[in-house]
Amino acid sequence: MTPGISSFDAFSQMRSASPVKPAPPVAGDSDPELREAFDSFVGEAFYGQMLKAMRQTVKEPAYFHGGRTEEVFREHLDQVLSQEMTKANASDFTGPMFDLFSLSRS
C-alpha cells in the first residue's frame, strides 16, 4: 500500500478503475409506448392468424351467419376481433417475449 493512502481510498481507486457493466433491462424499465406497440403487433398477428385458420376449418353456423355481408366484411371483422382480443389479454402471453426482446436490444 502506498504511504498516505488509506485502505478505503485504495479500494475506491480500484473500484473506479474497473469497468462497470449496466444492469440488463427489465420489462418494467422500458418505454410503455414500446411495450404497447409490441403487444399490439404480436397480439394482432397471433389472433389474426388464429382467426384465419379457424375460418378455414370451421363450417358456417346454421343460425348465426351474417350471409353475404359477413362474407364481404369478414377480414375487417377478424381484424376488429383480433384488436379487441389483443387489448383484453395479449400482455399475458407477450410478457416473456418482450423480456427477450428487451434483452436483445441492449
PDB file of N, CA and C in Angstrom:
ATOM      1  N   MET A   1       0.840  -1.155   0.000  1.00  0.00           N
ATOM      2  CA  MET A   1       0.000   0.000   0.000  1.00  0.00           C
ATOM      3  C   MET A   1       0.894   1.229   0.000  1.00  0.00           C
ATOM      4  N   THR A   2       0.477   2.255  -0.720  1.00  0.00           N
ATOM      5  CA  THR A   2       1.235   3.490  -0.812  1.00  0.00           C
ATOM      6  C   THR A   2       1.082   4.287   0.482  1.00  0.00           C
ATOM      7  N   PRO A   3       2.192   4.861   0.993  1.00  0.00           N
ATOM      8  CA  PRO A   3       2.071   5.638   2.213  1.00  0.00           C
ATOM      9  C   PRO A   3       1.189   6.865   1.994  1.00  0.00           C
ATOM     10  N   GLY A   4       0.365   7.175   2.958  1.00  0.00           N
ATOM     11  CA  GLY A   4      -0.516   8.340   2.894  1.00  0.00           C
ATOM     12  C   GLY A   4      -1.866   8.042   2.273  1.00  0.00           C
ATOM     13  N   ILE A   5      -2.090   6.807   1.763  1.00  0.00           N
ATOM     14  CA  ILE A   5      -3.377   6.442   1.178  1.00  0.00           C
ATOM     15  C   ILE A   5      -4.017   5.397   2.075  1.00  0.00           C
ATOM     16  N   SER A   6      -5.195   5.684   2.526  1.00  0.00           N
ATOM     17  CA  SER A   6      -5.902   4.730   3.378  1.00  0.00           C
ATOM     18  C   SER A   6      -6.413   3.563   2.536  1.00  0.00           C
ATOM     19  N   SER A   7      -6.768   2.500   3.221  1.00  0.00           N
ATOM     20  CA  SER A   7      -7.289   1.336   2.501  1.00  0.00           C
ATOM     21  C   SER A   7      -8.605   1.675   1.799  1.00  0.00           C
ATOM     22  N   PHE A   8      -9.404   2.559   2.363  1.00  0.00           N
ATOM     23  CA  PHE A   8     -10.646   2.972   1.724  1.00  0.00           C
ATOM     24  C   PHE A   8     -10.374   3.707   0.424  1.00  0.00           C
ATOM     25  N   ASP A   9      -9.367   4.614   0.433  1.00  0.00           N
ATOM     26  CA  ASP A   9      -9.010   5.339  -0.789  1.00  0.00           C
ATOM     27  C   ASP A   9      -8.488   4.387  -1.861  1.00  0.00           C
ATOM     28  N   ALA A  10      -7.704   3.398  -1.455  1.00  0.00           N
ATOM     29  CA  ALA A  10      -7.177   2.424  -2.410  1.00  0.00           C
ATOM     30  C   ALA A  10      -8.310   1.611  -3.024  1.00  0.00           C
ATOM     31  N   PHE A  11      -9.263   1.211  -2.199  1.00  0.00           N
ATOM     32  CA  PHE A  11     -10.420   0.468  -2.699  1.00  0.00           C
ATOM     33  C   PHE A  11     -11.242   1.325  -3.668  1.00  0.00           C
ATOM     34  N   SER A  12     -11.426   2.583  -3.338  1.00  0.00           N
ATOM     35  CA  SER A  12     -12.181   3.487  -4.208  1.00  0.00           C
ATOM     36  C   SER A  12     -11.504   3.648  -5.550  1.00  0.00           C
ATOM     37  N   GLN A  13     -10.161   3.744  -5.549  1.00  0.00           N
ATOM     38  CA  GLN A  13      -9.428   3.889  -6.800  1.00  0.00           C
ATOM     39  C   GLN A  13      -9.540   2.625  -7.646  1.00  0.00           C
ATOM     40  N   MET A  14      -9.438   1.462  -7.005  1.00  0.00           N
ATOM     41  CA  MET A  14      -9.558   0.203  -7.746  1.00  0.00           C
ATOM     42  C   MET A  14     -10.959   0.047  -8.318  1.00  0.00           C
ATOM     43  N   ARG A  15     -11.933   0.416  -7.535  1.00  0.00           N
ATOM     44  CA  ARG A  15     -13.315   0.272  -7.979  1.00  0.00           C
ATOM     45  C   ARG A  15     -13.628   1.207  -9.140  1.00  0.00           C
ATOM     46  N   SER A  16     -13.119   2.431  -9.096  1.00  0.00           N
ATOM     47  CA  SER A  16     -13.387   3.376 -10.178  1.00  0.00           C
ATOM     48  C   SER A  16     -12.636   2.992 -11.442  1.00  0.00           C
ATOM     49  N   ALA A  17     -11.556   2.236 -11.325  1.00  0.00           N
ATOM     50  CA  ALA A  17     -10.784   1.826 -12.494  1.00  0.00           C
ATOM     51  C   ALA A  17     -11.427   0.654 -13.217  1.00  0.00           C
ATOM     52  N   SER A  18     -12.240  -0.129 -12.521  1.00  0.00           N
ATOM     53  CA  SER A  18     -12.842  -1.291 -13.164  1.00  0.00           C
ATOM     54  C   SER A  18     -14.066  -0.869 -13.975  1.00  0.00           C
ATOM     55  N   PRO A  19     -14.240  -1.464 -15.149  1.00  0.00           N
ATOM     56  CA  PRO A  19     -15.408  -1.105 -15.964  1.00  0.00           C
ATOM     57  C   PRO A  19     -16.693  -1.598 -15.303  1.00  0.00           C
ATOM     58  N   VAL A  20     -17.697  -0.778 -15.374  1.00  0.00           N
ATOM     59  CA  VAL A  20     -18.989  -1.122 -14.784  1.00  0.00           C
ATOM     60  C   VAL A  20     -19.948  -1.440 -15.915  1.00  0.00           C
ATOM     61  N   LYS A  21     -20.521  -2.624 -15.858  1.00  0.00           N
ATOM     62  CA  LYS A  21     -21.494  -3.023 -16.867  1.00  0.00           C
ATOM     63  C   LYS A  21     -22.880  -2.567 -16.423  1.00  0.00           C
ATOM     64  N   PRO A  22     -23.661  -2.028 -17.351  1.00  0.00           N
ATOM     65  CA  PRO A  22     -25.019  -1.637 -16.972  1.00  0.00           C
ATOM     66  C   PRO A  22     -25.871  -2.870 -16.692  1.00  0.00           C
ATOM     67  N   ALA A  23     -26.818  -2.684 -15.810  1.00  0.00           N
ATOM     68  CA  ALA A  23     -27.723  -3.792 -15.476  1.00  0.00           C
ATOM     69  C   ALA A  23     -28.591  -4.113 -16.673  1.00  0.00           C
ATOM     70  N   PRO A  24     -28.909  -5.386 -16.883  1.00  0.00           N
ATOM     71  CA  PRO A  24     -29.781  -5.727 -18.008  1.00  0.00           C
ATOM     72  C   PRO A  24     -31.152  -5.103 -17.816  1.00  0.00           C
ATOM     73  N   PRO A  25     -31.787  -4.711 -18.902  1.00  0.00           N
ATOM     74  CA  PRO A  25     -33.093  -4.071 -18.776  1.00  0.00           C
ATOM     75  C   PRO A  25     -34.144  -5.042 -18.271  1.00  0.00           C
ATOM     76  N   VAL A  26     -35.042  -4.522 -17.522  1.00  0.00           N
ATOM     77  CA  VAL A  26     -36.173  -5.280 -17.013  1.00  0.00           C
ATOM     78  C   VAL A  26     -37.399  -4.786 -17.750  1.00  0.00           C
ATOM     79  N   ALA A  27     -38.371  -5.656 -17.953  1.00  0.00           N
ATOM     80  CA  ALA A  27     -39.552  -5.289 -18.732  1.00  0.00           C
ATOM     81  C   ALA A  27     -40.210  -4.026 -18.213  1.00  0.00           C
ATOM     82  N   GLY A  28     -40.243  -3.819 -16.927  1.00  0.00           N
ATOM     83  CA  GLY A  28     -40.889  -2.644 -16.362  1.00  0.00           C
ATOM     84  C   GLY A  28     -40.110  -1.363 -16.604  1.00  0.00           C
ATOM     85  N   ASP A  29     -38.789  -1.476 -16.910  1.00  0.00           N
ATOM     86  CA  ASP A  29     -37.963  -0.298 -17.123  1.00  0.00           C
ATOM     87  C   ASP A  29     -38.140   0.292 -18.518  1.00  0.00           C
ATOM     88  N   SER A  30     -38.710  -0.431 -19.431  1.00  0.00           N
ATOM     89  CA  SER A  30     -38.796   0.000 -20.818  1.00  0.00           C
ATOM     90  C   SER A  30     -39.877   1.044 -21.020  1.00  0.00           C
ATOM     91  N   ASP A  31     -39.842   1.613 -22.183  1.00  0.00           N
ATOM     92  CA  ASP A  31     -40.809   2.620 -22.569  1.00  0.00           C
ATOM     93  C   ASP A  31     -42.203   1.991 -22.672  1.00  0.00           C
ATOM     94  N   PRO A  32     -43.209   2.552 -22.007  1.00  0.00           N
ATOM     95  CA  PRO A  32     -44.551   1.962 -22.080  1.00  0.00           C
ATOM     96  C   PRO A  32     -45.135   1.982 -23.497  1.00  0.00           C
ATOM     97  N   GLU A  33     -44.758   2.975 -24.298  1.00  0.00           N
ATOM     98  CA  GLU A  33     -45.248   3.028 -25.681  1.00  0.00           C
ATOM     99  C   GLU A  33     -44.671   1.871 -26.492  1.00  0.00           C
ATOM    100  N   LEU A  34     -43.408   1.535 -26.228  1.00  0.00           N
ATOM    101  CA  LEU A  34     -42.787   0.404 -26.921  1.00  0.00           C
ATOM    102  C   LEU A  34     -43.480  -0.890 -26.537  1.00  0.00           C
ATOM    103  N   ARG A  35     -43.769  -1.055 -25.250  1.00  0.00           N
ATOM    104  CA  ARG A  35     -44.453  -2.264 -24.785  1.00  0.00           C
ATOM    105  C   ARG A  35     -45.837  -2.370 -25.414  1.00  0.00           C
ATOM    106  N   GLU A  36     -46.542  -1.256 -25.487  1.00  0.00           N
ATOM    107  CA  GLU A  36     -47.882  -1.266 -26.080  1.00  0.00           C
ATOM    108  C   GLU A  36     -47.816  -1.628 -27.560  1.00  0.00           C
ATOM    109  N   ALA A  37     -46.844  -1.055 -28.274  1.00  0.00           N
ATOM    110  CA  ALA A  37     -46.685  -1.371 -29.699  1.00  0.00           C
ATOM    111  C   ALA A  37     -46.304  -2.837 -29.888  1.00  0.00           C
ATOM    112  N   PHE A  38     -45.435  -3.355 -29.025  1.00  0.00           N
ATOM    113  CA  PHE A  38     -45.026  -4.758 -29.101  1.00  0.00           C
ATOM    114  C   PHE A  38     -46.222  -5.670 -28.867  1.00  0.00           C
ATOM    115  N   ASP A  39     -46.986  -5.383 -27.805  1.00  0.00           N
ATOM    116  CA  ASP A  39     -48.172  -6.197 -27.506  1.00  0.00           C
ATOM    117  C   ASP A  39     -49.171  -6.149 -28.653  1.00  0.00           C
ATOM    118  N   SER A  40     -49.358  -4.967 -29.211  1.00  0.00           N
ATOM    119  CA  SER A  40     -50.312  -4.813 -30.307  1.00  0.00           C
ATOM    120  C   SER A  40     -49.878  -5.625 -31.524  1.00  0.00           C
ATOM    121  N   PHE A  41     -48.612  -5.514 -31.892  1.00  0.00           N
ATOM    122  CA  PHE A  41     -48.120  -6.226 -33.062  1.00  0.00           C
ATOM    123  C   PHE A  41     -48.206  -7.741 -32.880  1.00  0.00           C
ATOM    124  N   VAL A  42     -47.673  -8.223 -31.772  1.00  0.00           N
ATOM    125  CA  VAL A  42     -47.648  -9.666 -31.539  1.00  0.00           C
ATOM    126  C   VAL A  42     -49.060 -10.211 -31.356  1.00  0.00           C
ATOM    127  N   GLY A  43     -49.871  -9.516 -30.575  1.00  0.00           N
ATOM    128  CA  GLY A  43     -51.234  -9.979 -30.313  1.00  0.00           C
ATOM    129  C   GLY A  43     -52.088 -10.026 -31.568  1.00  0.00           C
ATOM    130  N   GLU A  44     -52.042  -8.945 -32.353  1.00  0.00           N
ATOM    131  CA  GLU A  44     -52.859  -8.917 -33.567  1.00  0.00           C
ATOM    132  C   GLU A  44     -52.377  -9.930 -34.589  1.00  0.00           C
ATOM    133  N   ALA A  45     -51.070 -10.132 -34.677  1.00  0.00           N
ATOM    134  CA  ALA A  45     -50.559 -11.149 -35.602  1.00  0.00           C
ATOM    135  C   ALA A  45     -51.001 -12.542 -35.154  1.00  0.00           C
ATOM    136  N   PHE A  46     -50.885 -12.818 -33.860  1.00  0.00           N
ATOM    137  CA  PHE A  46     -51.263 -14.128 -33.331  1.00  0.00           C
ATOM    138  C   PHE A  46     -52.757 -14.369 -33.503  1.00  0.00           C
ATOM    139  N   TYR A  47     -53.575 -13.451 -33.018  1.00  0.00           N
ATOM    140  CA  TYR A  47     -55.020 -13.644 -33.089  1.00  0.00           C
ATOM    141  C   TYR A  47     -55.528 -13.580 -34.530  1.00  0.00           C
ATOM    142  N   GLY A  48     -54.918 -12.763 -35.358  1.00  0.00           N
ATOM    143  CA  GLY A  48     -55.312 -12.699 -36.764  1.00  0.00           C
ATOM    144  C   GLY A  48     -55.103 -14.033 -37.466  1.00  0.00           C
ATOM    145  N   GLN A  49     -53.928 -14.640 -37.233  1.00  0.00           N
ATOM    146  CA  GLN A  49     -53.652 -15.942 -37.833  1.00  0.00           C
ATOM    147  C   GLN A  49     -54.555 -17.027 -37.255  1.00  0.00           C
ATOM    148  N   MET A  50     -54.842 -16.924 -35.968  1.00  0.00           N
ATOM    149  CA  MET A  50     -55.717 -17.908 -35.332  1.00  0.00           C
ATOM    150  C   MET A  50     -57.124 -17.835 -35.926  1.00  0.00           C
ATOM    151  N   LEU A  51     -57.658 -16.627 -36.096  1.00  0.00           N
ATOM    152  CA  LEU A  51     -58.998 -16.471 -36.672  1.00  0.00           C
ATOM    153  C   LEU A  51     -59.028 -16.923 -38.132  1.00  0.00           C
ATOM    154  N   LYS A  52     -57.967 -16.620 -38.865  1.00  0.00           N
ATOM    155  CA  LYS A  52     -57.890 -17.037 -40.265  1.00  0.00           C
ATOM    156  C   LYS A  52     -57.915 -18.561 -40.376  1.00  0.00           C
ATOM    157  N   ALA A  53     -57.132 -19.228 -39.532  1.00  0.00           N
ATOM    158  CA  ALA A  53     -57.111 -20.697 -39.533  1.00  0.00           C
ATOM    159  C   ALA A  53     -58.462 -21.257 -39.103  1.00  0.00           C
ATOM    160  N   MET A  54     -59.086 -20.614 -38.134  1.00  0.00           N
ATOM    161  CA  MET A  54     -60.394 -21.077 -37.672  1.00  0.00           C
ATOM    162  C   MET A  54     -61.434 -20.966 -38.789  1.00  0.00           C
ATOM    163  N   ARG A  55     -61.406 -19.866 -39.513  1.00  0.00           N
ATOM    164  CA  ARG A  55     -62.378 -19.660 -40.602  1.00  0.00           C
ATOM    165  C   ARG A  55     -62.215 -20.715 -41.695  1.00  0.00           C
ATOM    166  N   GLN A  56     -61.004 -21.197 -41.900  1.00  0.00           N
ATOM    167  CA  GLN A  56     -60.761 -22.198 -42.932  1.00  0.00           C
ATOM    168  C   GLN A  56     -61.217 -23.599 -42.508  1.00  0.00           C
ATOM    169  N   THR A  57     -61.285 -23.841 -41.195  1.00  0.00           N
ATOM    170  CA  THR A  57     -61.602 -25.191 -40.737  1.00  0.00           C
ATOM    171  C   THR A  57     -63.012 -25.356 -40.189  1.00  0.00           C
ATOM    172  N   VAL A  58     -63.600 -24.293 -39.673  1.00  0.00           N
ATOM    173  CA  VAL A  58     -64.923 -24.381 -39.062  1.00  0.00           C
ATOM    174  C   VAL A  58     -65.974 -24.009 -40.102  1.00  0.00           C
ATOM    175  N   LYS A  59     -67.025 -24.809 -40.184  1.00  0.00           N
ATOM    176  CA  LYS A  59     -68.100 -24.514 -41.131  1.00  0.00           C
ATOM    177  C   LYS A  59     -68.951 -23.356 -40.624  1.00  0.00           C
ATOM    178  N   GLU A  60     -69.679 -22.750 -41.536  1.00  0.00           N
ATOM    179  CA  GLU A  60     -70.553 -21.639 -41.160  1.00  0.00           C
ATOM    180  C   GLU A  60     -71.681 -22.143 -40.272  1.00  0.00           C
ATOM    181  N   PRO A  61     -71.997 -21.398 -39.205  1.00  0.00           N
ATOM    182  CA  PRO A  61     -73.085 -21.839 -38.327  1.00  0.00           C
ATOM    183  C   PRO A  61     -74.435 -21.711 -39.030  1.00  0.00           C
ATOM    184  N   ALA A  62     -75.367 -22.527 -38.640  1.00  0.00           N
ATOM    185  CA  ALA A  62     -76.685 -22.539 -39.279  1.00  0.00           C
ATOM    186  C   ALA A  62     -77.508 -21.293 -38.937  1.00  0.00           C
ATOM    187  N   TYR A  63     -77.390 -20.809 -37.709  1.00  0.00           N
ATOM    188  CA  TYR A  63     -78.278 -19.730 -37.270  1.00  0.00           C
ATOM    189  C   TYR A  63     -77.619 -18.367 -37.154  1.00  0.00           C
ATOM    190  N   PHE A  64     -76.342 -18.314 -36.869  1.00  0.00           N
ATOM    191  CA  PHE A  64     -75.703 -17.030 -36.609  1.00  0.00           C
ATOM    192  C   PHE A  64     -74.753 -16.605 -37.713  1.00  0.00           C
ATOM    193  N   HIS A  65     -75.095 -16.864 -38.923  1.00  0.00           N
ATOM    194  CA  HIS A  65     -74.261 -16.445 -40.049  1.00  0.00           C
ATOM    195  C   HIS A  65     -74.839 -15.168 -40.631  1.00  0.00           C
ATOM    196  N   GLY A  66     -73.968 -14.211 -40.947  1.00  0.00           N
ATOM    197  CA  GLY A  66     -74.408 -12.914 -41.444  1.00  0.00           C
ATOM    198  C   GLY A  66     -74.654 -12.867 -42.936  1.00  0.00           C
ATOM    199  N   GLY A  67     -74.578 -13.995 -43.593  1.00  0.00           N
ATOM    200  CA  GLY A  67     -74.852 -14.045 -45.026  1.00  0.00           C
ATOM    201  C   GLY A  67     -73.748 -13.417 -45.849  1.00  0.00           C
ATOM    202  N   ARG A  68     -74.126 -12.844 -46.970  1.00  0.00           N
ATOM    203  CA  ARG A  68     -73.175 -12.255 -47.918  1.00  0.00           C
ATOM    204  C   ARG A  68     -72.425 -11.073 -47.296  1.00  0.00           C
ATOM    205  N   THR A  69     -73.083 -10.314 -46.448  1.00  0.00           N
ATOM    206  CA  THR A  69     -72.452  -9.160 -45.822  1.00  0.00           C
ATOM    207  C   THR A  69     -71.277  -9.603 -44.945  1.00  0.00           C
ATOM    208  N   GLU A  70     -71.478 -10.657 -44.182  1.00  0.00           N
ATOM    209  CA  GLU A  70     -70.383 -11.151 -43.353  1.00  0.00           C
ATOM    210  C   GLU A  70     -69.239 -11.662 -44.211  1.00  0.00           C
ATOM    211  N   GLU A  71     -69.550 -12.297 -45.318  1.00  0.00           N
ATOM    212  CA  GLU A  71     -68.502 -12.785 -46.212  1.00  0.00           C
ATOM    213  C   GLU A  71     -67.683 -11.634 -46.779  1.00  0.00           C
ATOM    214  N   VAL A  72     -68.352 -10.536 -47.132  1.00  0.00           N
ATOM    215  CA  VAL A  72     -67.661  -9.379 -47.707  1.00  0.00           C
ATOM    216  C   VAL A  72     -66.758  -8.717 -46.669  1.00  0.00           C
ATOM    217  N   PHE A  73     -67.261  -8.564 -45.452  1.00  0.00           N
ATOM    218  CA  PHE A  73     -66.529  -7.846 -44.418  1.00  0.00           C
ATOM    219  C   PHE A  73     -65.816  -8.759 -43.421  1.00  0.00           C
ATOM    220  N   ARG A  74     -65.620 -10.007 -43.773  1.00  0.00           N
ATOM    221  CA  ARG A  74     -65.011 -10.971 -42.847  1.00  0.00           C
ATOM    222  C   ARG A  74     -63.612 -10.548 -42.423  1.00  0.00           C
ATOM    223  N   GLU A  75     -62.787 -10.077 -43.339  1.00  0.00           N
ATOM    224  CA  GLU A  75     -61.428  -9.661 -42.980  1.00  0.00           C
ATOM    225  C   GLU A  75     -61.456  -8.508 -41.988  1.00  0.00           C
ATOM    226  N   HIS A  76     -62.341  -7.554 -42.232  1.00  0.00           N
ATOM    227  CA  HIS A  76     -62.459  -6.422 -41.317  1.00  0.00           C
ATOM    228  C   HIS A  76     -62.958  -6.899 -39.954  1.00  0.00           C
ATOM    229  N   LEU A  77     -63.934  -7.786 -39.948  1.00  0.00           N
ATOM    230  CA  LEU A  77     -64.445  -8.339 -38.701  1.00  0.00           C
ATOM    231  C   LEU A  77     -63.343  -9.059 -37.932  1.00  0.00           C
ATOM    232  N   ASP A  78     -62.560  -9.869 -38.628  1.00  0.00           N
ATOM    233  CA  ASP A  78     -61.461 -10.577 -37.978  1.00  0.00           C
ATOM    234  C   ASP A  78     -60.407  -9.610 -37.440  1.00  0.00           C
ATOM    235  N   GLN A  79     -60.148  -8.534 -38.171  1.00  0.00           N
ATOM    236  CA  GLN A  79     -59.183  -7.528 -37.703  1.00  0.00           C
ATOM    237  C   GLN A  79     -59.678  -6.871 -36.416  1.00  0.00           C
ATOM    238  N   VAL A  80     -60.947  -6.504 -36.379  1.00  0.00           N
ATOM    239  CA  VAL A  80     -61.512  -5.887 -35.179  1.00  0.00           C
ATOM    240  C   VAL A  80     -61.516  -6.880 -34.015  1.00  0.00           C
ATOM    241  N   LEU A  81     -61.880  -8.124 -34.298  1.00  0.00           N
ATOM    242  CA  LEU A  81     -61.855  -9.145 -33.251  1.00  0.00           C
ATOM    243  C   LEU A  81     -60.446  -9.349 -32.700  1.00  0.00           C
ATOM    244  N   SER A  82     -59.451  -9.398 -33.572  1.00  0.00           N
ATOM    245  CA  SER A  82     -58.080  -9.594 -33.108  1.00  0.00           C
ATOM    246  C   SER A  82     -57.596  -8.392 -32.302  1.00  0.00           C
ATOM    247  N   GLN A  83     -58.002  -7.177 -32.675  1.00  0.00           N
ATOM    248  CA  GLN A  83     -57.634  -5.993 -31.897  1.00  0.00           C
ATOM    249  C   GLN A  83     -58.254  -6.034 -30.505  1.00  0.00           C
ATOM    250  N   GLU A  84     -59.511  -6.423 -30.431  1.00  0.00           N
ATOM    251  CA  GLU A  84     -60.185  -6.481 -29.128  1.00  0.00           C
ATOM    252  C   GLU A  84     -59.610  -7.598 -28.246  1.00  0.00           C
ATOM    253  N   MET A  85     -59.300  -8.741 -28.839  1.00  0.00           N
ATOM    254  CA  MET A  85     -58.692  -9.818 -28.063  1.00  0.00           C
ATOM    255  C   MET A  85     -57.297  -9.416 -27.590  1.00  0.00           C
ATOM    256  N   THR A  86     -56.586  -8.664 -28.416  1.00  0.00           N
ATOM    257  CA  THR A  86     -55.265  -8.179 -28.039  1.00  0.00           C
ATOM    258  C   THR A  86     -55.361  -7.236 -26.849  1.00  0.00           C
ATOM    259  N   LYS A  87     -56.312  -6.319 -26.894  1.00  0.00           N
ATOM    260  CA  LYS A  87     -56.497  -5.391 -25.772  1.00  0.00           C
ATOM    261  C   LYS A  87     -56.846  -6.143 -24.495  1.00  0.00           C
ATOM    262  N   ALA A  88     -57.609  -7.208 -24.625  1.00  0.00           N
ATOM    263  CA  ALA A  88     -58.085  -7.947 -23.454  1.00  0.00           C
ATOM    264  C   ALA A  88     -56.977  -8.720 -22.761  1.00  0.00           C
ATOM    265  N   ASN A  89     -56.098  -9.400 -23.512  1.00  0.00           N
ATOM    266  CA  ASN A  89     -55.142 -10.265 -22.813  1.00  0.00           C
ATOM    267  C   ASN A  89     -53.838 -10.549 -23.540  1.00  0.00           C
ATOM    268  N   ALA A  90     -53.434  -9.740 -24.477  1.00  0.00           N
ATOM    269  CA  ALA A  90     -52.181 -10.026 -25.183  1.00  0.00           C
ATOM    270  C   ALA A  90     -50.976  -9.926 -24.260  1.00  0.00           C
ATOM    271  N   SER A  91     -51.009  -9.018 -23.294  1.00  0.00           N
ATOM    272  CA  SER A  91     -49.842  -8.844 -22.418  1.00  0.00           C
ATOM    273  C   SER A  91     -49.574 -10.085 -21.577  1.00  0.00           C
ATOM    274  N   ASP A  92     -50.576 -10.959 -21.418  1.00  0.00           N
ATOM    275  CA  ASP A  92     -50.374 -12.187 -20.648  1.00  0.00           C
ATOM    276  C   ASP A  92     -49.379 -13.122 -21.329  1.00  0.00           C
ATOM    277  N   PHE A  93     -49.441 -13.236 -22.637  1.00  0.00           N
ATOM    278  CA  PHE A  93     -48.522 -14.160 -23.306  1.00  0.00           C
ATOM    279  C   PHE A  93     -47.374 -13.459 -24.017  1.00  0.00           C
ATOM    280  N   THR A  94     -47.399 -12.129 -24.129  1.00  0.00           N
ATOM    281  CA  THR A  94     -46.280 -11.436 -24.760  1.00  0.00           C
ATOM    282  C   THR A  94     -45.223 -11.013 -23.749  1.00  0.00           C
ATOM    283  N   GLY A  95     -45.501 -11.145 -22.461  1.00  0.00           N
ATOM    284  CA  GLY A  95     -44.539 -10.751 -21.433  1.00  0.00           C
ATOM    285  C   GLY A  95     -43.174 -11.393 -21.593  1.00  0.00           C
ATOM    286  N   PRO A  96     -43.087 -12.729 -21.651  1.00  0.00           N
ATOM    287  CA  PRO A  96     -41.774 -13.360 -21.824  1.00  0.00           C
ATOM    288  C   PRO A  96     -41.104 -12.983 -23.154  1.00  0.00           C
ATOM    289  N   MET A  97     -41.889 -12.830 -24.205  1.00  0.00           N
ATOM    290  CA  MET A  97     -41.309 -12.436 -25.493  1.00  0.00           C
ATOM    291  C   MET A  97     -40.739 -11.026 -25.412  1.00  0.00           C
ATOM    292  N   PHE A  98     -41.453 -10.126 -24.714  1.00  0.00           N
ATOM    293  CA  PHE A  98     -40.972  -8.755 -24.588  1.00  0.00           C
ATOM    294  C   PHE A  98     -39.703  -8.694 -23.739  1.00  0.00           C
ATOM    295  N   ASP A  99     -39.618  -9.526 -22.720  1.00  0.00           N
ATOM    296  CA  ASP A  99     -38.399  -9.576 -21.908  1.00  0.00           C
ATOM    297  C   ASP A  99     -37.203  -9.974 -22.764  1.00  0.00           C
ATOM    298  N   LEU A 100     -37.358 -10.984 -23.615  1.00  0.00           N
ATOM    299  CA  LEU A 100     -36.273 -11.391 -24.515  1.00  0.00           C
ATOM    300  C   LEU A 100     -35.952 -10.296 -25.520  1.00  0.00           C
ATOM    301  N   PHE A 101     -36.980  -9.633 -26.023  1.00  0.00           N
ATOM    302  CA  PHE A 101     -36.781  -8.529 -26.960  1.00  0.00           C
ATOM    303  C   PHE A 101     -36.003  -7.405 -26.285  1.00  0.00           C
ATOM    304  N   SER A 102     -36.332  -7.092 -25.034  1.00  0.00           N
ATOM    305  CA  SER A 102     -35.640  -6.033 -24.303  1.00  0.00           C
ATOM    306  C   SER A 102     -34.174  -6.398 -24.082  1.00  0.00           C
ATOM    307  N   LEU A 103     -33.902  -7.667 -23.774  1.00  0.00           N
ATOM    308  CA  LEU A 103     -32.521  -8.095 -23.573  1.00  0.00           C
ATOM    309  C   LEU A 103     -31.713  -8.035 -24.867  1.00  0.00           C
ATOM    310  N   SER A 104     -32.340  -8.328 -25.982  1.00  0.00           N
ATOM    311  CA  SER A 104     -31.619  -8.312 -27.258  1.00  0.00           C
ATOM    312  C   SER A 104     -31.312  -6.896 -27.724  1.00  0.00           C
ATOM    313  N   ARG A 105     -32.054  -5.924 -27.238  1.00  0.00           N
ATOM    314  CA  ARG A 105     -31.820  -4.530 -27.630  1.00  0.00           C
ATOM    315  C   ARG A 105     -30.634  -3.935 -26.912  1.00  0.00           C
ATOM    316  N   SER A 106     -30.236  -4.510 -25.792  1.00  0.00           N
ATOM    317  CA  SER A 106     -29.131  -3.917 -25.024  1.00  0.00           C
ATOM    318  C   SER A 106     -27.788  -4.449 -25.455  1.00  0.00           C
TER     319      SER A 106
END
